[in-house]
Amino acid sequence: MNERFQAPQPLGFAPRLRILREQRRITPEALAKLAGLSEADIVLLEADRISPTLHHVQQLAQALQCPAGLLIGHLADYDEVADRIMNASKQLGHIAIALRAIRSGPLDRVDSNP
């Protein structure tokens, strides 16, 4: 019963690689050529049959035009990060407006009428 409430596990290298490749609409063969790897390597990496080496990660990141951290799970989705930054910026803007309103409230009026 507790299994139902467990947090989902983060995606590993294999599904991240496949998702990134499919998002770019390229075949395993095309990715292999772009990365300077064999098609067998791509297929085995996506099937999680072999572990990626640092060389694999670097070559695939360059071929997929993404940070290596995105492949290995150390970076969040850029859109999600951008949305969070924009929301935080909006909230800070609202706070700044409220602070200005407080500052220009009754104290300014008292100072302007000696």
Protein backbone atom coordinates (compact mmCIF):
# COMPACT_ATOMS: atom_id res chain seq x y z
CA MET A 1 0.00 0.00 0.00
CA ASN A 2 2.90 2.38 0.69
CA GLU A 3 4.16 1.85 -2.87
CA ARG A 4 1.26 3.95 -4.12
CA PHE A 5 2.63 7.00 -2.30
CA GLN A 6 6.29 6.68 -3.20
CA ALA A 7 7.81 9.56 -5.11
CA PRO A 8 8.68 8.73 -8.72
CA GLN A 9 12.30 7.94 -9.38
CA PRO A 10 14.19 10.38 -11.58
CA LEU A 11 14.87 9.28 -15.14
CA GLY A 12 18.17 7.57 -15.77
CA PHE A 13 20.57 8.15 -18.61
CA ALA A 14 18.93 5.70 -21.04
CA PRO A 15 15.44 7.25 -21.09
CA ARG A 16 16.89 10.78 -21.07
CA LEU A 17 18.99 9.96 -24.12
CA ARG A 18 16.03 8.47 -25.97
CA ILE A 19 13.73 11.39 -25.08
CA LEU A 20 16.29 14.00 -26.15
CA ARG A 21 16.96 12.16 -29.41
CA GLU A 22 13.24 11.81 -30.16
CA GLN A 23 12.57 15.46 -29.31
CA ARG A 24 15.11 16.39 -31.96
CA ARG A 25 13.49 13.94 -34.39
CA ILE A 26 16.65 12.09 -35.27
CA THR A 27 17.21 8.38 -35.64
CA PRO A 28 19.72 6.36 -33.61
CA GLU A 29 21.76 6.04 -36.80
CA ALA A 30 21.82 9.82 -37.36
CA LEU A 31 22.73 10.46 -33.71
CA ALA A 32 25.55 7.95 -33.95
CA LYS A 33 26.98 9.79 -36.96
CA LEU A 34 26.63 13.19 -35.27
CA ALA A 35 28.27 11.92 -32.08
CA GLY A 36 31.00 9.88 -33.75
CA LEU A 37 29.73 6.69 -32.11
CA SER A 38 28.42 3.45 -33.49
CA GLU A 39 24.71 2.90 -33.96
CA ALA A 40 25.09 -0.18 -31.75
CA ASP A 41 26.37 2.06 -28.96
CA ILE A 42 23.30 4.30 -29.24
CA VAL A 43 20.91 1.35 -29.25
CA LEU A 44 22.66 -0.28 -26.27
CA LEU A 45 22.82 2.99 -24.32
CA GLU A 46 19.11 3.69 -24.90
CA ALA A 47 18.26 0.13 -23.86
CA ASP A 48 20.37 0.59 -20.70
CA ARG A 49 22.43 -2.44 -21.72
CA ILE A 50 25.75 -0.60 -21.35
CA SER A 51 26.76 2.22 -19.04
CA PRO A 52 27.79 5.49 -20.62
CA THR A 53 31.39 6.57 -20.39
CA LEU A 54 32.46 10.18 -20.02
CA HIS A 55 33.35 10.09 -23.71
CA HIS A 56 29.81 8.93 -24.60
CA VAL A 57 28.26 11.71 -22.51
CA GLN A 58 30.45 14.42 -23.99
CA GLN A 59 29.95 13.29 -27.59
CA LEU A 60 26.19 12.85 -27.20
CA ALA A 61 25.75 16.20 -25.46
CA GLN A 62 27.58 17.92 -28.29
CA ALA A 63 25.58 16.05 -30.93
CA LEU A 64 22.27 16.78 -29.18
CA GLN A 65 23.31 20.39 -28.53
CA CYS A 66 22.55 20.19 -24.82
CA PRO A 67 24.56 20.37 -21.60
CA ALA A 68 26.01 17.05 -20.49
CA GLY A 69 24.25 17.59 -17.16
CA LEU A 70 20.90 17.30 -18.89
CA LEU A 71 21.80 13.82 -20.10
CA ILE A 72 22.93 12.60 -16.70
CA GLY A 73 20.16 14.25 -14.74
CA HIS A 74 21.94 17.12 -13.05
CA LEU A 75 19.99 19.86 -14.79
CA ALA A 76 16.30 20.52 -14.71
CA ASP A 77 14.36 21.19 -17.83
CA TYR A 78 15.28 24.69 -19.04
CA ASP A 79 11.65 25.68 -19.59
CA GLU A 80 10.78 24.75 -16.01
CA VAL A 81 13.74 26.71 -14.65
CA ALA A 82 12.87 29.71 -16.83
CA ASP A 83 9.25 29.61 -15.64
CA ARG A 84 10.35 29.53 -12.02
CA ILE A 85 12.67 32.48 -12.55
CA MET A 86 9.93 34.47 -14.30
CA ASN A 87 7.44 33.73 -11.50
CA ALA A 88 9.96 34.74 -8.84
CA SER A 89 10.71 37.92 -10.78
CA LYS A 90 7.01 38.79 -10.95
CA GLN A 91 6.62 38.18 -7.22
CA LEU A 92 9.62 40.40 -6.47
CA GLY A 93 8.15 43.10 -8.71
CA HIS A 94 4.88 42.99 -6.76
CA ILE A 95 6.79 43.21 -3.48
CA ALA A 96 8.79 46.20 -4.74
CA ILE A 97 5.58 47.99 -5.75
CA ALA A 98 4.05 47.29 -2.34
CA LEU A 99 7.15 48.58 -0.56
CA ARG A 100 7.11 51.78 -2.62
CA ALA A 101 3.44 52.26 -1.79
CA ILE A 102 4.18 51.82 1.90
CA ARG A 103 7.12 54.22 1.72
CA SER A 104 5.09 56.90 -0.05
CA GLY A 105 2.16 56.41 2.29
CA PRO A 106 1.29 58.47 5.39
CA LEU A 107 4.92 59.25 6.35
CA ASP A 108 5.51 61.23 3.14
CA ARG A 109 2.30 63.14 3.63
CA VAL A 110 3.26 64.02 7.21
CA ASP A 111 6.72 65.17 6.08
CA SER A 112 5.30 67.30 3.27
CA ASN A 113 3.00 69.19 5.66
CA PRO A 114 5.23 70.55 8.46
